[in-house]
């Protein structure tokens, strides 16, 4: 959880957006559900999967319940 978002090699504009929102490390985003993460401007599926993997979540969005 101490992984910095910059170490995940996210797109530069998404990294800037996350820094403006106050997220510096992956652990800062622990409380956000997947839906809220994907609503962040610039957050695409590829970047979401990187963050979800770093958080220890299942990044597979294709599961239907």
PDB file of N, CA and C in Angstrom:
ATOM      1  N   UNK A   1       0.811  -1.201   0.000  1.00  0.00           N
ATOM      2  CA  UNK A   1       0.000   0.000   0.000  1.00  0.00           C
ATOM      3  C   UNK A   1       0.854   1.265   0.000  1.00  0.00           C
ATOM      4  N   UNK A   2       2.143   1.110   0.189  1.00  0.00           N
ATOM      5  CA  UNK A   2       3.026   2.273   0.180  1.00  0.00           C
ATOM      6  C   UNK A   2       3.526   2.602  -1.218  1.00  0.00           C
ATOM      7  N   UNK A   3       2.986   1.941  -2.224  1.00  0.00           N
ATOM      8  CA  UNK A   3       3.403   2.185  -3.597  1.00  0.00           C
ATOM      9  C   UNK A   3       2.937   3.567  -4.029  1.00  0.00           C
ATOM     10  N   UNK A   4       3.849   4.337  -4.564  1.00  0.00           N
ATOM     11  CA  UNK A   4       3.481   5.653  -5.068  1.00  0.00           C
ATOM     12  C   UNK A   4       2.771   5.492  -6.405  1.00  0.00           C
ATOM     13  N   UNK A   5       1.831   6.372  -6.670  1.00  0.00           N
ATOM     14  CA  UNK A   5       1.091   6.323  -7.928  1.00  0.00           C
ATOM     15  C   UNK A   5       2.017   6.570  -9.113  1.00  0.00           C
ATOM     16  N   UNK A   6       3.058   7.355  -8.912  1.00  0.00           N
ATOM     17  CA  UNK A   6       4.005   7.627  -9.987  1.00  0.00           C
ATOM     18  C   UNK A   6       4.768   6.368 -10.391  1.00  0.00           C
ATOM     19  N   UNK A   7       4.941   5.427  -9.464  1.00  0.00           N
ATOM     20  CA  UNK A   7       5.661   4.190  -9.761  1.00  0.00           C
ATOM     21  C   UNK A   7       4.839   3.232 -10.627  1.00  0.00           C
ATOM     22  N   UNK A   8       3.521   3.454 -10.717  1.00  0.00           N
ATOM     23  CA  UNK A   8       2.662   2.577 -11.511  1.00  0.00           C
ATOM     24  C   UNK A   8       2.689   2.915 -12.996  1.00  0.00           C
ATOM     25  N   UNK A   9       3.380   3.975 -13.353  1.00  0.00           N
ATOM     26  CA  UNK A   9       3.499   4.417 -14.748  1.00  0.00           C
ATOM     27  C   UNK A   9       2.130   4.670 -15.371  1.00  0.00           C
ATOM     28  N   UNK A  10       1.343   5.493 -14.667  1.00  0.00           N
ATOM     29  CA  UNK A  10       0.043   5.912 -15.175  1.00  0.00           C
ATOM     30  C   UNK A  10       0.250   7.018 -16.200  1.00  0.00           C
ATOM     31  N   UNK A  11      -0.802   7.332 -16.935  1.00  0.00           N
ATOM     32  CA  UNK A  11      -0.686   8.415 -17.903  1.00  0.00           C
ATOM     33  C   UNK A  11      -0.444   9.728 -17.151  1.00  0.00           C
ATOM     34  N   UNK A  12       0.341  10.620 -17.741  1.00  0.00           N
ATOM     35  CA  UNK A  12       0.717  11.847 -17.027  1.00  0.00           C
ATOM     36  C   UNK A  12      -0.479  12.709 -16.618  1.00  0.00           C
ATOM     37  N   UNK A  13      -1.494  12.822 -17.478  1.00  0.00           N
ATOM     38  CA  UNK A  13      -2.630  13.676 -17.125  1.00  0.00           C
ATOM     39  C   UNK A  13      -3.463  13.047 -16.008  1.00  0.00           C
ATOM     40  N   UNK A  14      -3.535  11.724 -15.951  1.00  0.00           N
ATOM     41  CA  UNK A  14      -4.239  11.073 -14.849  1.00  0.00           C
ATOM     42  C   UNK A  14      -3.453  11.240 -13.551  1.00  0.00           C
ATOM     43  N   UNK A  15      -2.155  11.121 -13.624  1.00  0.00           N
ATOM     44  CA  UNK A  15      -1.318  11.307 -12.443  1.00  0.00           C
ATOM     45  C   UNK A  15      -1.466  12.731 -11.898  1.00  0.00           C
ATOM     46  N   UNK A  16      -1.513  13.716 -12.787  1.00  0.00           N
ATOM     47  CA  UNK A  16      -1.733  15.098 -12.352  1.00  0.00           C
ATOM     48  C   UNK A  16      -3.100  15.258 -11.699  1.00  0.00           C
ATOM     49  N   UNK A  17      -4.131  14.650 -12.291  1.00  0.00           N
ATOM     50  CA  UNK A  17      -5.482  14.733 -11.734  1.00  0.00           C
ATOM     51  C   UNK A  17      -5.541  14.098 -10.344  1.00  0.00           C
ATOM     52  N   UNK A  18      -4.929  12.932 -10.191  1.00  0.00           N
ATOM     53  CA  UNK A  18      -4.930  12.260  -8.892  1.00  0.00           C
ATOM     54  C   UNK A  18      -4.173  13.063  -7.839  1.00  0.00           C
ATOM     55  N   UNK A  19      -3.073  13.679  -8.249  1.00  0.00           N
ATOM     56  CA  UNK A  19      -2.320  14.515  -7.307  1.00  0.00           C
ATOM     57  C   UNK A  19      -3.123  15.739  -6.893  1.00  0.00           C
ATOM     58  N   UNK A  20      -3.885  16.320  -7.823  1.00  0.00           N
ATOM     59  CA  UNK A  20      -4.728  17.465  -7.489  1.00  0.00           C
ATOM     60  C   UNK A  20      -5.842  17.072  -6.525  1.00  0.00           C
ATOM     61  N   UNK A  21      -6.314  15.833  -6.638  1.00  0.00           N
ATOM     62  CA  UNK A  21      -7.357  15.345  -5.738  1.00  0.00           C
ATOM     63  C   UNK A  21      -6.804  14.902  -4.386  1.00  0.00           C
ATOM     64  N   UNK A  22      -5.475  14.891  -4.252  1.00  0.00           N
ATOM     65  CA  UNK A  22      -4.854  14.583  -2.972  1.00  0.00           C
ATOM     66  C   UNK A  22      -4.388  13.149  -2.811  1.00  0.00           C
ATOM     67  N   UNK A  23      -4.334  12.396  -3.896  1.00  0.00           N
ATOM     68  CA  UNK A  23      -3.894  11.004  -3.830  1.00  0.00           C
ATOM     69  C   UNK A  23      -2.424  10.929  -4.224  1.00  0.00           C
ATOM     70  N   UNK A  24      -1.582  10.528  -3.280  1.00  0.00           N
ATOM     71  CA  UNK A  24      -0.146  10.426  -3.522  1.00  0.00           C
ATOM     72  C   UNK A  24       0.306   8.968  -3.630  1.00  0.00           C
ATOM     73  N   UNK A  25      -0.234   8.122  -2.754  1.00  0.00           N
ATOM     74  CA  UNK A  25       0.112   6.702  -2.744  1.00  0.00           C
ATOM     75  C   UNK A  25      -1.147   5.882  -2.977  1.00  0.00           C
ATOM     76  N   UNK A  26      -0.961   4.617  -3.298  1.00  0.00           N
ATOM     77  CA  UNK A  26      -2.085   3.741  -3.621  1.00  0.00           C
ATOM     78  C   UNK A  26      -3.024   3.596  -2.424  1.00  0.00           C
ATOM     79  N   UNK A  27      -2.484   3.579  -1.233  1.00  0.00           N
ATOM     80  CA  UNK A  27      -3.299   3.422  -0.032  1.00  0.00           C
ATOM     81  C   UNK A  27      -4.303   4.545   0.178  1.00  0.00           C
ATOM     82  N   UNK A  28      -4.035   5.715  -0.392  1.00  0.00           N
ATOM     83  CA  UNK A  28      -4.974   6.833  -0.273  1.00  0.00           C
ATOM     84  C   UNK A  28      -6.293   6.539  -0.994  1.00  0.00           C
ATOM     85  N   UNK A  29      -6.265   5.625  -1.965  1.00  0.00           N
ATOM     86  CA  UNK A  29      -7.452   5.325  -2.762  1.00  0.00           C
ATOM     87  C   UNK A  29      -8.190   4.085  -2.263  1.00  0.00           C
ATOM     88  N   UNK A  30      -7.779   3.536  -1.135  1.00  0.00           N
ATOM     89  CA  UNK A  30      -8.347   2.299  -0.608  1.00  0.00           C
ATOM     90  C   UNK A  30      -9.847   2.414  -0.366  1.00  0.00           C
ATOM     91  N   UNK A  31     -10.309   3.571   0.081  1.00  0.00           N
ATOM     92  CA  UNK A  31     -11.716   3.730   0.444  1.00  0.00           C
ATOM     93  C   UNK A  31     -12.642   3.903  -0.765  1.00  0.00           C
ATOM     94  N   UNK A  32     -12.084   4.148  -1.948  1.00  0.00           N
ATOM     95  CA  UNK A  32     -12.910   4.387  -3.132  1.00  0.00           C
ATOM     96  C   UNK A  32     -13.383   3.085  -3.759  1.00  0.00           C
ATOM     97  N   UNK A  33     -14.681   2.970  -4.054  1.00  0.00           N
ATOM     98  CA  UNK A  33     -15.146   1.807  -4.810  1.00  0.00           C
ATOM     99  C   UNK A  33     -14.751   1.953  -6.283  1.00  0.00           C
ATOM    100  N   UNK A  34     -14.863   0.876  -7.020  1.00  0.00           N
ATOM    101  CA  UNK A  34     -14.454   0.879  -8.433  1.00  0.00           C
ATOM    102  C   UNK A  34     -15.217   1.918  -9.242  1.00  0.00           C
ATOM    103  N   UNK A  35     -16.499   2.086  -8.955  1.00  0.00           N
ATOM    104  CA  UNK A  35     -17.308   3.034  -9.709  1.00  0.00           C
ATOM    105  C   UNK A  35     -16.801   4.459  -9.549  1.00  0.00           C
ATOM    106  N   UNK A  36     -16.416   4.815  -8.323  1.00  0.00           N
ATOM    107  CA  UNK A  36     -15.909   6.161  -8.070  1.00  0.00           C
ATOM    108  C   UNK A  36     -14.545   6.371  -8.720  1.00  0.00           C
ATOM    109  N   UNK A  37     -13.713   5.345  -8.700  1.00  0.00           N
ATOM    110  CA  UNK A  37     -12.400   5.465  -9.345  1.00  0.00           C
ATOM    111  C   UNK A  37     -12.550   5.699 -10.841  1.00  0.00           C
ATOM    112  N   UNK A  38     -13.472   4.987 -11.451  1.00  0.00           N
ATOM    113  CA  UNK A  38     -13.645   5.106 -12.895  1.00  0.00           C
ATOM    114  C   UNK A  38     -14.313   6.415 -13.297  1.00  0.00           C
ATOM    115  N   UNK A  39     -14.874   7.146 -12.341  1.00  0.00           N
ATOM    116  CA  UNK A  39     -15.464   8.458 -12.640  1.00  0.00           C
ATOM    117  C   UNK A  39     -14.443   9.581 -12.603  1.00  0.00           C
ATOM    118  N   UNK A  40     -13.248   9.298 -12.157  1.00  0.00           N
ATOM    119  CA  UNK A  40     -12.196  10.311 -12.129  1.00  0.00           C
ATOM    120  C   UNK A  40     -11.810  10.624 -13.574  1.00  0.00           C
ATOM    121  N   UNK A  41     -11.793  11.912 -13.937  1.00  0.00           N
ATOM    122  CA  UNK A  41     -11.445  12.267 -15.326  1.00  0.00           C
ATOM    123  C   UNK A  41     -10.064  11.734 -15.707  1.00  0.00           C
ATOM    124  N   UNK A  42     -10.004  11.048 -16.831  1.00  0.00           N
ATOM    125  CA  UNK A  42      -8.749  10.502 -17.327  1.00  0.00           C
ATOM    126  C   UNK A  42      -8.500   9.060 -16.931  1.00  0.00           C
ATOM    127  N   UNK A  43      -9.316   8.529 -16.029  1.00  0.00           N
ATOM    128  CA  UNK A  43      -9.134   7.153 -15.565  1.00  0.00           C
ATOM    129  C   UNK A  43      -9.759   6.206 -16.587  1.00  0.00           C
ATOM    130  N   UNK A  44      -8.931   5.418 -17.196  1.00  0.00           N
ATOM    131  CA  UNK A  44      -9.405   4.408 -18.130  1.00  0.00           C
ATOM    132  C   UNK A  44      -9.244   3.028 -17.534  1.00  0.00           C
ATOM    133  N   UNK A  45      -9.667   2.047 -18.280  1.00  0.00           N
ATOM    134  CA  UNK A  45      -9.627   0.681 -17.792  1.00  0.00           C
ATOM    135  C   UNK A  45      -8.223   0.184 -17.517  1.00  0.00           C
ATOM    136  N   UNK A  46      -7.281   0.556 -18.384  1.00  0.00           N
ATOM    137  CA  UNK A  46      -5.902   0.086 -18.213  1.00  0.00           C
ATOM    138  C   UNK A  46      -5.297   0.630 -16.916  1.00  0.00           C
ATOM    139  N   UNK A  47      -5.476   1.925 -16.680  1.00  0.00           N
ATOM    140  CA  UNK A  47      -4.942   2.537 -15.456  1.00  0.00           C
ATOM    141  C   UNK A  47      -5.680   2.029 -14.231  1.00  0.00           C
ATOM    142  N   UNK A  48      -6.992   1.810 -14.361  1.00  0.00           N
ATOM    143  CA  UNK A  48      -7.750   1.284 -13.228  1.00  0.00           C
ATOM    144  C   UNK A  48      -7.237  -0.100 -12.839  1.00  0.00           C
ATOM    145  N   UNK A  49      -6.966  -0.934 -13.820  1.00  0.00           N
ATOM    146  CA  UNK A  49      -6.478  -2.281 -13.520  1.00  0.00           C
ATOM    147  C   UNK A  49      -5.134  -2.244 -12.810  1.00  0.00           C
ATOM    148  N   UNK A  50      -4.264  -1.303 -13.175  1.00  0.00           N
ATOM    149  CA  UNK A  50      -2.980  -1.164 -12.483  1.00  0.00           C
ATOM    150  C   UNK A  50      -3.177  -0.777 -11.026  1.00  0.00           C
ATOM    151  N   UNK A  51      -4.077   0.170 -10.785  1.00  0.00           N
ATOM    152  CA  UNK A  51      -4.328   0.623  -9.417  1.00  0.00           C
ATOM    153  C   UNK A  51      -4.998  -0.480  -8.606  1.00  0.00           C
ATOM    154  N   UNK A  52      -5.973  -1.163  -9.207  1.00  0.00           N
ATOM    155  CA  UNK A  52      -6.679  -2.238  -8.498  1.00  0.00           C
ATOM    156  C   UNK A  52      -5.730  -3.369  -8.133  1.00  0.00           C
ATOM    157  N   UNK A  53      -4.818  -3.688  -9.021  1.00  0.00           N
ATOM    158  CA  UNK A  53      -3.847  -4.741  -8.723  1.00  0.00           C
ATOM    159  C   UNK A  53      -2.948  -4.322  -7.567  1.00  0.00           C
ATOM    160  N   UNK A  54      -2.539  -3.050  -7.546  1.00  0.00           N
ATOM    161  CA  UNK A  54      -1.696  -2.556  -6.456  1.00  0.00           C
ATOM    162  C   UNK A  54      -2.461  -2.527  -5.126  1.00  0.00           C
ATOM    163  N   UNK A  55      -3.785  -2.346  -5.199  1.00  0.00           N
ATOM    164  CA  UNK A  55      -4.606  -2.355  -3.988  1.00  0.00           C
ATOM    165  C   UNK A  55      -4.931  -3.769  -3.526  1.00  0.00           C
ATOM    166  N   UNK A  56      -4.692  -4.745  -4.368  1.00  0.00           N
ATOM    167  CA  UNK A  56      -4.998  -6.116  -4.014  1.00  0.00           C
ATOM    168  C   UNK A  56      -6.430  -6.507  -4.331  1.00  0.00           C
ATOM    169  N   UNK A  57      -7.095  -5.718  -5.158  1.00  0.00           N
ATOM    170  CA  UNK A  57      -8.467  -6.015  -5.562  1.00  0.00           C
ATOM    171  C   UNK A  57      -8.466  -6.821  -6.846  1.00  0.00           C
ATOM    172  N   UNK A  58      -9.612  -7.422  -7.153  1.00  0.00           N
ATOM    173  CA  UNK A  58      -9.769  -8.131  -8.416  1.00  0.00           C
ATOM    174  C   UNK A  58     -10.103  -7.100  -9.490  1.00  0.00           C
ATOM    175  N   UNK A  59      -9.208  -6.837 -10.424  1.00  0.00           N
ATOM    176  CA  UNK A  59      -9.438  -5.788 -11.411  1.00  0.00           C
ATOM    177  C   UNK A  59     -10.327  -6.215 -12.585  1.00  0.00           C
ATOM    178  N   UNK A  60     -10.893  -7.405 -12.537  1.00  0.00           N
ATOM    179  CA  UNK A  60     -11.695  -7.889 -13.664  1.00  0.00           C
ATOM    180  C   UNK A  60     -13.063  -7.221 -13.632  1.00  0.00           C
ATOM    181  N   UNK A  61     -13.316  -6.347 -14.601  1.00  0.00           N
ATOM    182  CA  UNK A  61     -14.574  -5.632 -14.668  1.00  0.00           C
ATOM    183  C   UNK A  61     -15.648  -6.391 -15.420  1.00  0.00           C
ATOM    184  N   UNK A  62     -15.328  -7.537 -15.991  1.00  0.00           N
ATOM    185  CA  UNK A  62     -16.291  -8.237 -16.824  1.00  0.00           C
ATOM    186  C   UNK A  62     -17.216  -9.147 -16.015  1.00  0.00           C
ATOM    187  N   UNK A  63     -16.979  -9.278 -14.726  1.00  0.00           N
ATOM    188  CA  UNK A  63     -17.830 -10.149 -13.912  1.00  0.00           C
ATOM    189  C   UNK A  63     -19.209  -9.538 -13.756  1.00  0.00           C
ATOM    190  N   UNK A  64     -20.206 -10.350 -13.951  1.00  0.00           N
ATOM    191  CA  UNK A  64     -21.592  -9.905 -13.726  1.00  0.00           C
ATOM    192  C   UNK A  64     -22.163 -10.745 -12.610  1.00  0.00           C
ATOM    193  N   UNK A  65     -22.939 -10.119 -11.771  1.00  0.00           N
ATOM    194  CA  UNK A  65     -23.525 -10.849 -10.645  1.00  0.00           C
ATOM    195  C   UNK A  65     -24.962 -11.138 -10.877  1.00  0.00           C
TER     196      UNK A  65
END
